[in-house]
Amino acid sequence: MGSCCFCACIFKTILGLLNMVLMVAGILVAGVGGAFYGMAESSAVKEFIRIIVVPIIEYQFGKNYIIGSVSGDFRELITPVAWFLIIMGCIIGAIAIIGYLGLNLSINAFLIAYAALIGTIIVVQIVISILFYTGGLTGPTNNLVKKILVKHYKGLEDLDDGNGTNVYALTWNVIMMKLNCCGASNYMDFQDNLEVTNKWPRNKTFSIKVQNDENFENLTFLGTKQMPLACCKNMAEFPKMYYNDTKCMADNSTNNNNNLGCTEAIMNEIKKSKSESLTIFLFALFLQIILLIMVIVIIQENKNNKRNNNENNSNDDEADARCIGISARLAPPLKKEPKSARFLAMSAASTRKNNITDSETGFVAIFNLPS
């Protein structure tokens, strides 16, 4: 009993410090999200990108490089990230507050809710990990990624027209060129969707400046295109860009990555470091399980303390009752006071009562005559 109580005290100290750290972390994460949201609306940030960032990128890679006119509207990208950080910060802070109140006020309802949240997080992580490594997430992820692709992609080809400045399109271009992939599932993502077809200029002849070693040159791409230029095999090392086949956007070309989807490519990149990522995940999971065990021990100790207090109070009441009973039995009987002489005299005199009638009132006065 004593060792369990000692463990509970140690666990309370550890969890108290941890929850304080989590509260601060939640506030910081939400604060960063709020700052990002403010940046998305700030004209000063846009001016910084236009005056400082754009010249550096254009000097390094050339004006018509894949980044395009990065002074475009980044609000579309920053705003979702900002809201994600704000929500995550609030969730972390709320969980920490529940745990902190439960520990410091010894309220088991809060501690049970805290344990339930930790347990839910553990189960969700395990389920997602199993689905990820068994391929169960590929289908749903493909569908989600495909919706984003269909809604936002405008291609790499029209940088001069400003279409390539869309932040989602820029992100897709970088992913497809960096990972040598095409679309969410494969190049057919650009064939099946009229929405993509309307935004992506597949029938337009265009020229783009590409980098061969240290020199820039223009390449002209002709004919109908089954996939964007970003799906073609880049002969230069990313982030440089060079192509030796002006018909690489046709599905019968061997100079493209038409059959490898980017969802699969991203998962392959993660699985390359499978041992490291699995070690980190298992270590984090182990710490969370230890945390859950600590909370359960504290809950049980609180219950034991409450039960012991109730038993002690009940025992005290019973002891008090027994003491009162014993005292009553042991106490000597109370002695009767002798009747006083005056009391006896008055009693004797009461036998000699006289009735006197009041002629005015008609009342009868009864009083004791002196002896």
Protein backbone atom coordinates (compact mmCIF):
# COMPACT_ATOMS: atom_id res chain seq x y z
CA MET A 1 0.00 0.00 0.00
CA GLY A 2 2.78 2.41 0.94
CA SER A 3 4.84 1.62 -2.18
CA CYS A 4 1.80 2.10 -4.41
CA CYS A 5 1.12 5.48 -2.79
CA PHE A 6 4.78 6.45 -3.31
CA CYS A 7 4.58 5.47 -7.01
CA ALA A 8 1.39 7.50 -7.43
CA CYS A 9 3.10 10.56 -5.93
CA ILE A 10 6.06 10.18 -8.32
CA PHE A 11 3.70 9.68 -11.28
CA LYS A 12 1.72 12.78 -10.32
CA THR A 13 4.90 14.86 -10.30
CA ILE A 14 6.02 13.54 -13.70
CA LEU A 15 2.60 13.99 -15.30
CA GLY A 16 2.21 17.45 -13.78
CA LEU A 17 5.46 18.61 -15.38
CA LEU A 18 4.57 16.92 -18.67
CA ASN A 19 1.16 18.58 -18.82
CA MET A 20 2.68 21.98 -18.11
CA VAL A 21 5.07 21.44 -21.04
CA LEU A 22 2.17 20.33 -23.25
CA MET A 23 0.13 23.39 -22.31
CA VAL A 24 3.01 25.67 -23.29
CA ALA A 25 3.54 23.67 -26.50
CA GLY A 26 -0.15 23.92 -27.38
CA ILE A 27 -0.11 27.68 -26.87
CA LEU A 28 3.03 28.01 -29.03
CA VAL A 29 1.64 25.84 -31.84
CA ALA A 30 -1.65 27.75 -31.88
CA GLY A 31 0.31 31.01 -31.76
CA VAL A 32 2.42 30.01 -34.76
CA GLY A 33 -0.78 29.10 -36.61
CA GLY A 34 -2.24 32.50 -35.78
CA ALA A 35 0.95 34.17 -37.00
CA PHE A 36 0.78 32.22 -40.26
CA TYR A 37 -2.83 33.24 -40.72
CA GLY A 38 -1.85 36.86 -40.19
CA MET A 39 1.00 36.45 -42.68
CA ALA A 40 -1.42 35.16 -45.31
CA GLU A 41 -3.32 38.44 -45.09
CA SER A 42 -0.25 40.66 -44.76
CA SER A 43 0.76 42.84 -47.69
CA ALA A 44 4.20 43.24 -46.08
CA VAL A 45 4.90 39.52 -46.50
CA LYS A 46 3.87 39.63 -50.14
CA GLU A 47 6.18 42.59 -50.68
CA PHE A 48 9.02 40.69 -48.97
CA ILE A 49 8.47 37.75 -51.35
CA ARG A 50 8.35 40.03 -54.37
CA ILE A 51 11.37 42.17 -53.47
CA ILE A 52 13.68 39.65 -51.75
CA VAL A 53 12.70 36.05 -52.52
CA VAL A 54 11.83 36.36 -56.21
CA PRO A 55 15.13 38.01 -57.29
CA ILE A 56 17.16 35.36 -55.41
CA ILE A 57 15.31 32.47 -57.09
CA GLU A 58 15.40 34.08 -60.51
CA TYR A 59 19.13 34.78 -60.17
CA GLN A 60 19.79 31.18 -59.15
CA PHE A 61 17.52 29.33 -61.56
CA GLY A 62 16.35 31.76 -64.22
CA LYS A 63 13.06 33.58 -64.58
CA ASN A 64 11.14 30.77 -66.28
CA TYR A 65 12.19 28.10 -63.83
CA ILE A 66 9.64 25.71 -62.31
CA ILE A 67 8.97 28.02 -59.37
CA GLY A 68 7.57 30.54 -61.79
CA SER A 69 6.35 33.83 -60.42
CA VAL A 70 6.54 33.00 -56.72
CA SER A 71 5.12 36.39 -55.90
CA GLY A 72 1.72 34.86 -56.61
CA ASP A 73 -0.93 34.52 -53.93
CA PHE A 74 0.37 32.18 -51.20
CA ARG A 75 -2.75 32.68 -49.13
CA GLU A 76 -4.28 29.47 -50.54
CA LEU A 77 -1.43 27.42 -49.11
CA ILE A 78 -0.71 29.27 -45.88
CA THR A 79 -4.33 29.52 -44.66
CA PRO A 80 -5.00 25.73 -44.41
CA VAL A 81 -1.63 25.24 -42.70
CA ALA A 82 -2.44 28.04 -40.26
CA TRP A 83 -5.83 26.56 -39.36
CA PHE A 84 -4.28 23.11 -38.93
CA LEU A 85 -1.72 24.50 -36.47
CA ILE A 86 -4.37 26.47 -34.57
CA ILE A 87 -6.64 23.42 -34.20
CA MET A 88 -3.75 21.12 -33.21
CA GLY A 89 -2.52 23.64 -30.64
CA CYS A 90 -5.99 23.92 -29.11
CA ILE A 91 -6.36 20.11 -28.94
CA ILE A 92 -2.95 19.68 -27.28
CA GLY A 93 -3.70 22.46 -24.81
CA ALA A 94 -7.16 21.08 -23.97
CA ILE A 95 -5.81 17.58 -23.27
CA ALA A 96 -3.05 19.02 -21.08
CA ILE A 97 -5.52 21.16 -19.11
CA ILE A 98 -7.81 18.16 -18.47
CA GLY A 99 -4.86 16.14 -17.19
CA TYR A 100 -3.51 18.99 -15.08
CA LEU A 101 -6.86 19.64 -13.39
CA GLY A 102 -7.42 15.95 -12.75
CA LEU A 103 -4.00 15.59 -11.13
CA ASN A 104 -4.06 18.71 -8.98
CA LEU A 105 -7.70 18.49 -7.89
CA SER A 106 -7.68 14.67 -7.65
CA ILE A 107 -10.88 14.53 -9.71
CA ASN A 108 -11.15 11.04 -11.15
CA ALA A 109 -13.66 12.12 -13.81
CA PHE A 110 -11.00 14.35 -15.40
CA LEU A 111 -8.35 11.66 -15.06
CA ILE A 112 -10.61 9.04 -16.66
CA ALA A 113 -11.29 11.41 -19.57
CA TYR A 114 -7.54 12.05 -19.83
CA ALA A 115 -6.80 8.31 -19.90
CA ALA A 116 -9.54 7.75 -22.50
CA LEU A 117 -8.02 10.42 -24.78
CA ILE A 118 -4.53 8.92 -24.47
CA GLY A 119 -5.90 5.43 -25.13
CA THR A 120 -7.78 6.65 -28.20
CA ILE A 121 -4.65 8.32 -29.59
CA ILE A 122 -2.67 5.11 -29.08
CA VAL A 123 -5.30 2.98 -30.86
CA VAL A 124 -5.57 5.42 -33.79
CA GLN A 125 -1.79 5.43 -34.26
CA ILE A 126 -1.64 1.64 -34.25
CA VAL A 127 -4.50 1.32 -36.76
CA ILE A 128 -3.00 3.93 -39.12
CA SER A 129 0.43 2.29 -38.94
CA ILE A 130 -1.00 -1.14 -39.75
CA LEU A 131 -2.99 0.25 -42.67
CA PHE A 132 0.03 2.16 -43.95
CA TYR A 133 2.45 -0.76 -43.94
CA THR A 134 -0.14 -3.18 -45.36
CA GLY A 135 -1.18 -0.78 -48.14
CA GLY A 136 -4.65 -0.18 -46.75
CA LEU A 137 -4.26 3.60 -46.99
CA THR A 138 -3.28 3.64 -50.66
CA GLY A 139 -6.83 3.69 -52.05
CA PRO A 140 -8.31 6.39 -49.79
CA THR A 141 -5.14 8.49 -50.06
CA ASN A 142 -5.20 8.22 -53.84
CA ASN A 143 -8.79 9.43 -53.95
CA LEU A 144 -8.05 12.40 -51.70
CA VAL A 145 -4.88 13.37 -53.56
CA LYS A 146 -6.66 13.01 -56.88
CA LYS A 147 -9.41 15.42 -55.79
CA ILE A 148 -6.79 18.03 -54.87
CA LEU A 149 -4.98 17.45 -58.16
CA VAL A 150 -8.16 17.77 -60.22
CA LYS A 151 -9.27 20.92 -58.42
CA HIS A 152 -6.04 22.91 -58.46
CA TYR A 153 -3.50 21.69 -61.03
CA LYS A 154 -2.77 24.13 -63.87
CA GLY A 155 0.48 22.74 -65.18
CA LEU A 156 4.08 23.78 -65.62
CA GLU A 157 3.76 24.90 -69.20
CA ASP A 158 2.13 28.32 -68.80
CA LEU A 159 4.48 29.98 -66.33
CA ASP A 160 4.60 33.11 -68.43
CA ASP A 161 0.81 33.31 -68.37
CA GLY A 162 0.71 33.09 -64.58
CA ASN A 163 -1.03 29.70 -64.37
CA GLY A 164 2.01 28.10 -62.80
CA THR A 165 1.91 30.48 -59.87
CA ASN A 166 -0.91 28.54 -58.23
CA VAL A 167 0.69 27.16 -55.08
CA TYR A 168 -0.96 23.75 -55.42
CA ALA A 169 0.29 23.47 -58.99
CA LEU A 170 3.78 24.49 -57.90
CA THR A 171 3.70 21.89 -55.13
CA TRP A 172 2.60 19.20 -57.56
CA ASN A 173 5.31 20.18 -60.04
CA VAL A 174 8.00 19.88 -57.38
CA ILE A 175 6.68 16.50 -56.14
CA MET A 176 6.41 14.99 -59.62
CA MET A 177 9.87 16.18 -60.66
CA LYS A 178 11.58 15.35 -57.37
CA LEU A 179 10.08 11.86 -56.99
CA ASN A 180 9.89 11.04 -60.73
CA CYS A 181 6.17 10.31 -60.59
CA CYS A 182 3.04 11.39 -62.44
CA GLY A 183 -0.37 12.24 -61.01
CA ALA A 184 -1.89 10.62 -57.95
CA SER A 185 -2.22 7.10 -59.43
CA ASN A 186 -0.57 7.54 -62.86
CA TYR A 187 -0.78 9.74 -65.97
CA MET A 188 -4.42 8.69 -66.54
CA ASP A 189 -5.41 11.15 -63.82
CA PHE A 190 -4.86 13.83 -66.46
CA GLN A 191 -6.93 11.93 -69.04
CA ASP A 192 -10.08 11.08 -67.09
CA ASN A 193 -10.98 14.49 -65.71
CA LEU A 194 -12.45 17.27 -67.84
CA GLU A 195 -11.83 19.70 -65.01
CA VAL A 196 -8.09 19.10 -65.29
CA THR A 197 -8.30 19.18 -69.08
CA ASN A 198 -9.92 22.61 -69.02
CA LYS A 199 -7.25 24.06 -66.72
CA TRP A 200 -4.21 22.30 -68.15
CA PRO A 201 -3.38 23.43 -71.74
CA ARG A 202 -2.73 20.00 -73.29
CA ASN A 203 -3.13 21.15 -76.90
CA LYS A 204 -1.00 24.26 -76.74
CA THR A 205 2.44 24.50 -78.32
CA PHE A 206 4.78 26.17 -75.86
CA SER A 207 8.43 26.92 -75.23
CA ILE A 208 10.15 26.86 -71.88
CA LYS A 209 13.62 27.85 -70.75
CA VAL A 210 15.53 24.90 -69.30
CA GLN A 211 19.00 24.59 -67.86
CA ASN A 212 21.68 22.41 -69.45
CA ASP A 213 24.76 22.49 -67.23
CA GLU A 214 25.32 26.22 -66.67
CA ASN A 215 23.51 27.43 -69.80
CA PHE A 216 19.83 28.13 -70.36
CA GLU A 217 18.07 27.28 -73.61
CA ASN A 218 14.54 27.26 -74.96
CA LEU A 219 12.78 24.01 -75.80
CA THR A 220 9.58 23.94 -77.84
CA PHE A 221 7.07 21.15 -77.18
CA LEU A 222 4.66 20.29 -79.98
CA GLY A 223 1.55 18.17 -80.43
CA THR A 224 -1.13 16.81 -78.11
CA LYS A 225 0.07 15.98 -74.64
CA GLN A 226 -1.21 13.08 -72.53
CA MET A 227 0.53 14.33 -69.36
CA PRO A 228 2.18 17.50 -68.03
CA LEU A 229 5.83 18.32 -68.62
CA ALA A 230 6.56 17.63 -64.94
CA CYS A 231 5.86 13.93 -65.67
CA CYS A 232 8.75 13.78 -68.14
CA LYS A 233 12.09 12.36 -67.00
CA ASN A 234 14.34 15.18 -65.92
CA MET A 235 17.84 14.68 -67.35
CA ALA A 236 19.34 17.20 -64.93
CA GLU A 237 19.65 16.86 -61.19
CA PHE A 238 16.73 18.48 -59.41
CA PRO A 239 16.22 21.41 -58.90
CA LYS A 240 17.81 22.00 -62.31
CA MET A 241 15.57 21.09 -65.23
CA TYR A 242 16.53 19.71 -68.65
CA TYR A 243 14.78 17.50 -71.23
CA ASN A 244 16.13 15.95 -74.40
CA ASP A 245 12.80 14.76 -75.78
CA THR A 246 10.26 17.34 -76.91
CA LYS A 247 7.64 14.59 -77.27
CA CYS A 248 8.09 13.14 -73.80
CA MET A 249 4.51 14.07 -72.87
CA ALA A 250 3.09 11.38 -75.14
CA ASP A 251 2.07 8.15 -73.43
CA ASN A 252 4.20 6.03 -75.81
CA SER A 253 7.43 7.82 -74.90
CA THR A 254 10.03 6.09 -72.77
CA ASN A 255 11.24 9.42 -71.41
CA ASN A 256 8.47 9.93 -68.86
CA ASN A 257 7.27 8.53 -65.54
CA ASN A 258 3.72 7.93 -66.70
CA ASN A 259 2.98 4.73 -64.76
CA LEU A 260 4.24 5.64 -61.29
CA GLY A 261 1.75 7.55 -59.17
CA CYS A 262 2.97 10.11 -56.66
CA THR A 263 1.01 8.56 -53.77
CA GLU A 264 2.94 5.33 -54.22
CA ALA A 265 6.19 7.25 -54.70
CA ILE A 266 5.71 9.17 -51.45
CA MET A 267 4.94 5.97 -49.53
CA ASN A 268 8.00 4.31 -51.06
CA GLU A 269 10.15 7.20 -49.84
CA ILE A 270 8.78 6.77 -46.33
CA LYS A 271 9.31 3.01 -46.44
CA LYS A 272 12.93 3.49 -47.47
CA SER A 273 13.60 4.60 -43.92
CA LYS A 274 11.28 1.92 -42.55
CA SER A 275 13.60 0.74 -39.78
CA GLU A 276 14.28 4.27 -38.51
CA SER A 277 10.65 5.39 -38.72
CA LEU A 278 9.44 2.16 -37.11
CA THR A 279 11.94 2.55 -34.25
CA ILE A 280 10.81 6.13 -33.62
CA PHE A 281 7.14 5.10 -33.78
CA LEU A 282 7.56 2.17 -31.37
CA PHE A 283 9.54 4.31 -28.92
CA ALA A 284 6.86 7.03 -29.00
CA LEU A 285 4.15 4.39 -28.60
CA PHE A 286 5.99 2.86 -25.63
CA LEU A 287 6.17 6.26 -23.91
CA GLN A 288 2.44 6.82 -24.46
CA ILE A 289 1.61 3.40 -23.00
CA ILE A 290 3.77 4.18 -19.94
CA LEU A 291 1.91 7.48 -19.64
CA LEU A 292 -1.43 5.66 -19.76
CA ILE A 293 -0.29 3.21 -17.06
CA MET A 294 0.75 6.12 -14.83
CA VAL A 295 -2.69 7.71 -15.15
CA ILE A 296 -4.43 4.41 -14.37
CA VAL A 297 -2.26 3.93 -11.25
CA ILE A 298 -3.14 7.44 -10.05
CA ILE A 299 -6.87 6.83 -10.66
CA GLN A 300 -6.73 3.58 -8.67
CA GLU A 301 -4.79 5.24 -5.85
CA ASN A 302 -7.38 8.02 -5.65
CA LYS A 303 -10.12 5.40 -5.40
CA ASN A 304 -8.25 3.57 -2.64
CA ASN A 305 -7.72 6.80 -0.71
CA LYS A 306 -11.39 7.68 -0.99
CA ARG A 307 -12.46 4.22 0.17
CA ASN A 308 -10.03 4.32 3.10
CA ASN A 309 -11.27 7.75 4.13
CA ASN A 310 -14.87 6.53 4.07
CA GLU A 311 -13.95 3.47 6.12
CA ASN A 312 -12.05 5.59 8.63
CA ASN A 313 -14.98 7.98 9.00
CA SER A 314 -17.35 5.05 9.49
CA ASN A 315 -15.05 3.50 12.09
CA ASP A 316 -14.80 6.83 13.91
CA ASP A 317 -18.59 7.11 14.05
CA GLU A 318 -18.91 3.56 15.40
CA ALA A 319 -16.20 4.22 18.00
CA ASP A 320 -17.96 7.37 19.15
CA ALA A 321 -21.24 5.49 19.49
CA ARG A 322 -19.58 2.73 21.51
CA CYS A 323 -17.92 5.27 23.79
CA ILE A 324 -21.24 6.97 24.44
CA GLY A 325 -22.91 3.63 25.26
CA ILE A 326 -20.14 2.57 27.62
CA SER A 327 -20.19 5.93 29.38
CA ALA A 328 -23.93 5.65 29.85
CA ARG A 329 -23.64 2.22 31.44
CA LEU A 330 -20.74 3.13 33.71
CA ALA A 331 -22.10 6.46 34.93
CA PRO A 332 -23.63 6.31 38.53
CA PRO A 333 -27.38 6.91 38.84
CA LEU A 334 -28.39 10.46 39.50
CA LYS A 335 -29.33 11.15 43.18
CA LYS A 336 -32.75 12.60 43.82
CA GLU A 337 -32.71 15.91 45.60
CA PRO A 338 -34.48 15.86 48.98
CA LYS A 339 -37.59 17.87 49.15
CA SER A 340 -36.98 21.22 50.71
CA ALA A 341 -38.68 22.20 53.97
CA ARG A 342 -40.54 24.98 52.25
CA PHE A 343 -41.86 22.53 49.65
CA LEU A 344 -43.13 20.20 52.40
CA ALA A 345 -44.71 23.10 54.28
CA MET A 346 -46.51 24.27 51.16
CA SER A 347 -47.79 20.76 50.52
CA ALA A 348 -49.19 20.51 54.02
CA ALA A 349 -50.76 23.89 53.78
CA SER A 350 -52.51 22.98 50.55
CA THR A 351 -54.87 20.77 52.51
CA ARG A 352 -56.24 23.79 54.25
CA LYS A 353 -57.44 25.71 51.27
CA ASN A 354 -60.17 28.27 51.60
CA ASN A 355 -62.30 29.58 48.81
CA ILE A 356 -62.94 33.31 48.81
CA THR A 357 -65.52 34.78 46.48
CA ASP A 358 -64.81 38.16 44.94
CA SER A 359 -68.12 40.00 45.00
CA GLU A 360 -67.14 42.33 42.14
CA THR A 361 -65.76 39.89 39.67
CA GLY A 362 -67.45 36.71 40.66
CA PHE A 363 -64.13 34.83 40.33
CA VAL A 364 -62.96 32.29 42.86
CA ALA A 365 -59.45 32.88 44.12
CA ILE A 366 -57.64 29.83 45.41
CA PHE A 367 -54.58 30.50 47.45
CA ASN A 368 -52.69 28.94 50.32
CA LEU A 369 -53.29 30.17 53.83
CA PRO A 370 -50.22 30.58 55.96
CA SER A 371 -49.74 27.82 58.46
